Every structure is written in structure tokens, then in C-alpha cells.
Amino acid sequence: MPIDPYAALNAMIRAEAARFTPPPPKTAPSDPDRPAAEAEAEAEGEAVGTAAAAAPSD
């Protein structure tokens, strides 16, 4: 059975692209005991708190 040169080229290009693709961002594991609404509210509160702490004070 002959080797398809286009399939081989496609496989090589995919392998090279996978080498240089950055890994997906890691998400924080959710706590199964807490409701999703509380987890989202806490995440938003942390994001606001860090932005306020990073703001320069005059």
C-alpha cells in the first residue's frame, strides 16, 4: 500500500505546530461542595481586590 505524501506532510506539519503551540491556561479546580454562584462571586471579589491593591496611591 503506497504512502500518501499529502497525509505524511500534513502529519509532519501538525507535529511541528504542536511543538510550538503554548499549553492551554490552567483553570482553578472548583470545590464540588460550594455552589457555582458563590465560587464566581469569590473569584470576582479576588480580581477586584488584586486590581485595587495594584493601583498606585497618590
PDB file of N, CA and C in Angstrom:
ATOM      1  N   MET A   1       0.853  -1.180   0.000  1.00  0.00           N
ATOM      2  CA  MET A   1       0.000   0.000   0.000  1.00  0.00           C
ATOM      3  C   MET A   1       0.899   1.244   0.000  1.00  0.00           C
ATOM      4  N   PRO A   2       0.749   2.107  -1.000  1.00  0.00           N
ATOM      5  CA  PRO A   2       1.618   3.294  -1.086  1.00  0.00           C
ATOM      6  C   PRO A   2       1.286   4.325  -0.011  1.00  0.00           C
ATOM      7  N   ILE A   3       2.300   5.077   0.360  1.00  0.00           N
ATOM      8  CA  ILE A   3       2.136   6.126   1.367  1.00  0.00           C
ATOM      9  C   ILE A   3       1.649   7.396   0.674  1.00  0.00           C
ATOM     10  N   ASP A   4       0.624   8.001   1.220  1.00  0.00           N
ATOM     11  CA  ASP A   4       0.089   9.249   0.669  1.00  0.00           C
ATOM     12  C   ASP A   4       1.016  10.396   1.085  1.00  0.00           C
ATOM     13  N   PRO A   5       1.685  11.063   0.141  1.00  0.00           N
ATOM     14  CA  PRO A   5       2.629  12.129   0.518  1.00  0.00           C
ATOM     15  C   PRO A   5       1.940  13.317   1.187  1.00  0.00           C
ATOM     16  N   TYR A   6       0.707  13.611   0.819  1.00  0.00           N
ATOM     17  CA  TYR A   6      -0.011  14.733   1.440  1.00  0.00           C
ATOM     18  C   TYR A   6      -0.388  14.419   2.890  1.00  0.00           C
ATOM     19  N   ALA A   7      -0.754  13.172   3.158  1.00  0.00           N
ATOM     20  CA  ALA A   7      -1.070  12.779   4.532  1.00  0.00           C
ATOM     21  C   ALA A   7       0.191  12.820   5.396  1.00  0.00           C
ATOM     22  N   ALA A   8       1.304  12.390   4.830  1.00  0.00           N
ATOM     23  CA  ALA A   8       2.565  12.429   5.571  1.00  0.00           C
ATOM     24  C   ALA A   8       2.978  13.868   5.852  1.00  0.00           C
ATOM     25  N   LEU A   9       2.841  14.738   4.852  1.00  0.00           N
ATOM     26  CA  LEU A   9       3.179  16.151   5.035  1.00  0.00           C
ATOM     27  C   LEU A   9       2.264  16.785   6.083  1.00  0.00           C
ATOM     28  N   ASN A  10       0.986  16.473   6.023  1.00  0.00           N
ATOM     29  CA  ASN A  10       0.028  17.007   6.994  1.00  0.00           C
ATOM     30  C   ASN A  10       0.403  16.559   8.411  1.00  0.00           C
ATOM     31  N   ALA A  11       0.777  15.292   8.567  1.00  0.00           N
ATOM     32  CA  ALA A  11       1.159  14.786   9.887  1.00  0.00           C
ATOM     33  C   ALA A  11       2.422  15.483  10.394  1.00  0.00           C
ATOM     34  N   MET A  12       3.381  15.717   9.502  1.00  0.00           N
ATOM     35  CA  MET A  12       4.614  16.396   9.924  1.00  0.00           C
ATOM     36  C   MET A  12       4.336  17.838  10.325  1.00  0.00           C
ATOM     37  N   ILE A  13       3.491  18.518   9.556  1.00  0.00           N
ATOM     38  CA  ILE A  13       3.160  19.916   9.887  1.00  0.00           C
ATOM     39  C   ILE A  13       2.400  19.993  11.202  1.00  0.00           C
ATOM     40  N   ARG A  14       1.467  19.057  11.414  1.00  0.00           N
ATOM     41  CA  ARG A  14       0.721  19.046  12.685  1.00  0.00           C
ATOM     42  C   ARG A  14       1.656  18.807  13.873  1.00  0.00           C
ATOM     43  N   ALA A  15       2.616  17.916  13.707  1.00  0.00           N
ATOM     44  CA  ALA A  15       3.555  17.628  14.795  1.00  0.00           C
ATOM     45  C   ALA A  15       4.408  18.857  15.108  1.00  0.00           C
ATOM     46  N   GLU A  16       4.873  19.549  14.078  1.00  0.00           N
ATOM     47  CA  GLU A  16       5.681  20.749  14.300  1.00  0.00           C
ATOM     48  C   GLU A  16       4.848  21.863  14.934  1.00  0.00           C
ATOM     49  N   ALA A  17       3.607  22.012  14.494  1.00  0.00           N
ATOM     50  CA  ALA A  17       2.737  23.042  15.069  1.00  0.00           C
ATOM     51  C   ALA A  17       2.451  22.741  16.535  1.00  0.00           C
ATOM     52  N   ALA A  18       2.284  21.481  16.872  1.00  0.00           N
ATOM     53  CA  ALA A  18       2.001  21.111  18.263  1.00  0.00           C
ATOM     54  C   ALA A  18       3.203  21.404  19.165  1.00  0.00           C
ATOM     55  N   ARG A  19       4.410  21.319  18.605  1.00  0.00           N
ATOM     56  CA  ARG A  19       5.602  21.610  19.411  1.00  0.00           C
ATOM     57  C   ARG A  19       5.647  23.065  19.851  1.00  0.00           C
ATOM     58  N   PHE A  20       5.182  23.976  18.993  1.00  0.00           N
ATOM     59  CA  PHE A  20       5.305  25.398  19.274  1.00  0.00           C
ATOM     60  C   PHE A  20       4.022  26.032  19.781  1.00  0.00           C
ATOM     61  N   THR A  21       2.984  25.249  19.964  1.00  0.00           N
ATOM     62  CA  THR A  21       1.723  25.774  20.480  1.00  0.00           C
ATOM     63  C   THR A  21       1.818  25.859  21.996  1.00  0.00           C
ATOM     64  N   PRO A  22       1.501  27.013  22.595  1.00  0.00           N
ATOM     65  CA  PRO A  22       1.579  27.110  24.058  1.00  0.00           C
ATOM     66  C   PRO A  22       0.523  26.232  24.712  1.00  0.00           C
ATOM     67  N   PRO A  23       0.792  25.753  25.915  1.00  0.00           N
ATOM     68  CA  PRO A  23      -0.190  24.912  26.599  1.00  0.00           C
ATOM     69  C   PRO A  23      -1.427  25.734  26.969  1.00  0.00           C
ATOM     70  N   PRO A  24      -2.569  25.084  27.093  1.00  0.00           N
ATOM     71  CA  PRO A  24      -3.784  25.821  27.463  1.00  0.00           C
ATOM     72  C   PRO A  24      -3.662  26.371  28.874  1.00  0.00           C
ATOM     73  N   PRO A  25      -4.309  27.497  29.159  1.00  0.00           N
ATOM     74  CA  PRO A  25      -4.225  28.064  30.510  1.00  0.00           C
ATOM     75  C   PRO A  25      -4.856  27.126  31.534  1.00  0.00           C
ATOM     76  N   LYS A  26      -4.241  27.077  32.697  1.00  0.00           N
ATOM     77  CA  LYS A  26      -4.763  26.223  33.764  1.00  0.00           C
ATOM     78  C   LYS A  26      -5.887  26.943  34.485  1.00  0.00           C
ATOM     79  N   THR A  27      -6.965  26.226  34.715  1.00  0.00           N
ATOM     80  CA  THR A  27      -8.089  26.802  35.444  1.00  0.00           C
ATOM     81  C   THR A  27      -8.042  26.292  36.876  1.00  0.00           C
ATOM     82  N   ALA A  28      -8.530  27.093  37.780  1.00  0.00           N
ATOM     83  CA  ALA A  28      -8.548  26.693  39.183  1.00  0.00           C
ATOM     84  C   ALA A  28      -9.588  25.598  39.368  1.00  0.00           C
ATOM     85  N   PRO A  29      -9.239  24.552  40.094  1.00  0.00           N
ATOM     86  CA  PRO A  29     -10.220  23.489  40.337  1.00  0.00           C
ATOM     87  C   PRO A  29     -11.359  24.009  41.204  1.00  0.00           C
ATOM     88  N   SER A  30     -12.556  23.671  40.821  1.00  0.00           N
ATOM     89  CA  SER A  30     -13.709  24.140  41.585  1.00  0.00           C
ATOM     90  C   SER A  30     -13.986  23.185  42.738  1.00  0.00           C
ATOM     91  N   ASP A  31     -14.484  23.735  43.829  1.00  0.00           N
ATOM     92  CA  ASP A  31     -14.824  22.948  45.001  1.00  0.00           C
ATOM     93  C   ASP A  31     -16.221  22.376  44.792  1.00  0.00           C
ATOM     94  N   PRO A  32     -16.384  21.053  44.769  1.00  0.00           N
ATOM     95  CA  PRO A  32     -17.708  20.486  44.494  1.00  0.00           C
ATOM     96  C   PRO A  32     -18.725  20.737  45.609  1.00  0.00           C
ATOM     97  N   ASP A  33     -18.258  21.112  46.811  1.00  0.00           N
ATOM     98  CA  ASP A  33     -19.178  21.344  47.925  1.00  0.00           C
ATOM     99  C   ASP A  33     -19.827  22.716  47.848  1.00  0.00           C
ATOM    100  N   ARG A  34     -19.160  23.677  47.183  1.00  0.00           N
ATOM    101  CA  ARG A  34     -19.712  25.038  47.098  1.00  0.00           C
ATOM    102  C   ARG A  34     -20.546  25.198  45.850  1.00  0.00           C
ATOM    103  N   PRO A  35     -21.614  25.977  45.914  1.00  0.00           N
ATOM    104  CA  PRO A  35     -22.377  26.278  44.696  1.00  0.00           C
ATOM    105  C   PRO A  35     -21.550  27.133  43.737  1.00  0.00           C
ATOM    106  N   ALA A  36     -21.851  27.048  42.461  1.00  0.00           N
ATOM    107  CA  ALA A  36     -21.080  27.768  41.443  1.00  0.00           C
ATOM    108  C   ALA A  36     -21.204  29.280  41.605  1.00  0.00           C
ATOM    109  N   ALA A  37     -22.367  29.770  42.050  1.00  0.00           N
ATOM    110  CA  ALA A  37     -22.570  31.211  42.196  1.00  0.00           C
ATOM    111  C   ALA A  37     -21.625  31.789  43.252  1.00  0.00           C
ATOM    112  N   GLU A  38     -21.424  31.065  44.337  1.00  0.00           N
ATOM    113  CA  GLU A  38     -20.506  31.549  45.379  1.00  0.00           C
ATOM    114  C   GLU A  38     -19.071  31.565  44.866  1.00  0.00           C
ATOM    115  N   ALA A  39     -18.691  30.549  44.124  1.00  0.00           N
ATOM    116  CA  ALA A  39     -17.328  30.481  43.604  1.00  0.00           C
ATOM    117  C   ALA A  39     -17.077  31.626  42.630  1.00  0.00           C
ATOM    118  N   GLU A  40     -18.073  31.945  41.778  1.00  0.00           N
ATOM    119  CA  GLU A  40     -17.900  33.051  40.838  1.00  0.00           C
ATOM    120  C   GLU A  40     -17.817  34.387  41.565  1.00  0.00           C
ATOM    121  N   ALA A  41     -18.645  34.568  42.592  1.00  0.00           N
ATOM    122  CA  ALA A  41     -18.629  35.823  43.344  1.00  0.00           C
ATOM    123  C   ALA A  41     -17.284  35.996  44.039  1.00  0.00           C
ATOM    124  N   GLU A  42     -16.751  34.905  44.570  1.00  0.00           N
ATOM    125  CA  GLU A  42     -15.458  34.993  45.246  1.00  0.00           C
ATOM    126  C   GLU A  42     -14.352  35.297  44.237  1.00  0.00           C
ATOM    127  N   ALA A  43     -14.420  34.689  43.063  1.00  0.00           N
ATOM    128  CA  ALA A  43     -13.406  34.937  42.041  1.00  0.00           C
ATOM    129  C   ALA A  43     -13.455  36.393  41.587  1.00  0.00           C
ATOM    130  N   GLU A  44     -14.658  36.943  41.436  1.00  0.00           N
ATOM    131  CA  GLU A  44     -14.768  38.347  41.048  1.00  0.00           C
ATOM    132  C   GLU A  44     -14.251  39.257  42.155  1.00  0.00           C
ATOM    133  N   GLY A  45     -14.511  38.906  43.396  1.00  0.00           N
ATOM    134  CA  GLY A  45     -14.029  39.701  44.521  1.00  0.00           C
ATOM    135  C   GLY A  45     -12.518  39.684  44.600  1.00  0.00           C
ATOM    136  N   GLU A  46     -11.915  38.533  44.319  1.00  0.00           N
ATOM    137  CA  GLU A  46     -10.457  38.459  44.334  1.00  0.00           C
ATOM    138  C   GLU A  46      -9.869  39.285  43.203  1.00  0.00           C
ATOM    139  N   ALA A  47     -10.503  39.246  42.038  1.00  0.00           N
ATOM    140  CA  ALA A  47      -9.984  40.010  40.901  1.00  0.00           C
ATOM    141  C   ALA A  47     -10.068  41.506  41.189  1.00  0.00           C
ATOM    142  N   VAL A  48     -11.150  41.952  41.795  1.00  0.00           N
ATOM    143  CA  VAL A  48     -11.293  43.373  42.123  1.00  0.00           C
ATOM    144  C   VAL A  48     -10.295  43.749  43.207  1.00  0.00           C
ATOM    145  N   GLY A  49     -10.121  42.890  44.193  1.00  0.00           N
ATOM    146  CA  GLY A  49      -9.195  43.174  45.287  1.00  0.00           C
ATOM    147  C   GLY A  49      -7.760  43.282  44.812  1.00  0.00           C
ATOM    148  N   THR A  50      -7.362  42.417  43.880  1.00  0.00           N
ATOM    149  CA  THR A  50      -5.988  42.483  43.395  1.00  0.00           C
ATOM    150  C   THR A  50      -5.777  43.710  42.543  1.00  0.00           C
ATOM    151  N   ALA A  51      -6.800  44.112  41.786  1.00  0.00           N
ATOM    152  CA  ALA A  51      -6.659  45.304  40.954  1.00  0.00           C
ATOM    153  C   ALA A  51      -6.564  46.547  41.844  1.00  0.00           C
ATOM    154  N   ALA A  52      -7.339  46.599  42.931  1.00  0.00           N
ATOM    155  CA  ALA A  52      -7.293  47.729  43.833  1.00  0.00           C
ATOM    156  C   ALA A  52      -5.943  47.783  44.565  1.00  0.00           C
ATOM    157  N   ALA A  53      -5.419  46.626  44.902  1.00  0.00           N
ATOM    158  CA  ALA A  53      -4.133  46.605  45.605  1.00  0.00           C
ATOM    159  C   ALA A  53      -2.992  47.015  44.680  1.00  0.00           C
ATOM    160  N   ALA A  54      -3.149  46.738  43.379  1.00  0.00           N
ATOM    161  CA  ALA A  54      -2.096  47.070  42.440  1.00  0.00           C
ATOM    162  C   ALA A  54      -2.146  48.531  41.988  1.00  0.00           C
ATOM    163  N   ALA A  55      -3.252  49.220  42.259  1.00  0.00           N
ATOM    164  CA  ALA A  55      -3.395  50.615  41.829  1.00  0.00           C
ATOM    165  C   ALA A  55      -2.445  51.505  42.640  1.00  0.00           C
ATOM    166  N   PRO A  56      -1.743  52.413  41.989  1.00  0.00           N
ATOM    167  CA  PRO A  56      -0.818  53.286  42.724  1.00  0.00           C
ATOM    168  C   PRO A  56      -1.594  54.292  43.582  1.00  0.00           C
ATOM    169  N   SER A  57      -1.077  54.546  44.748  1.00  0.00           N
ATOM    170  CA  SER A  57      -1.734  55.520  45.636  1.00  0.00           C
ATOM    171  C   SER A  57      -0.972  56.844  45.575  1.00  0.00           C
ATOM    172  N   ASP A  58      -1.711  57.925  45.566  1.00  0.00           N
ATOM    173  CA  ASP A  58      -1.091  59.260  45.473  1.00  0.00           C
ATOM    174  C   ASP A  58      -0.910  59.883  46.833  1.00  0.00           C
TER     175      ASP A  58
END
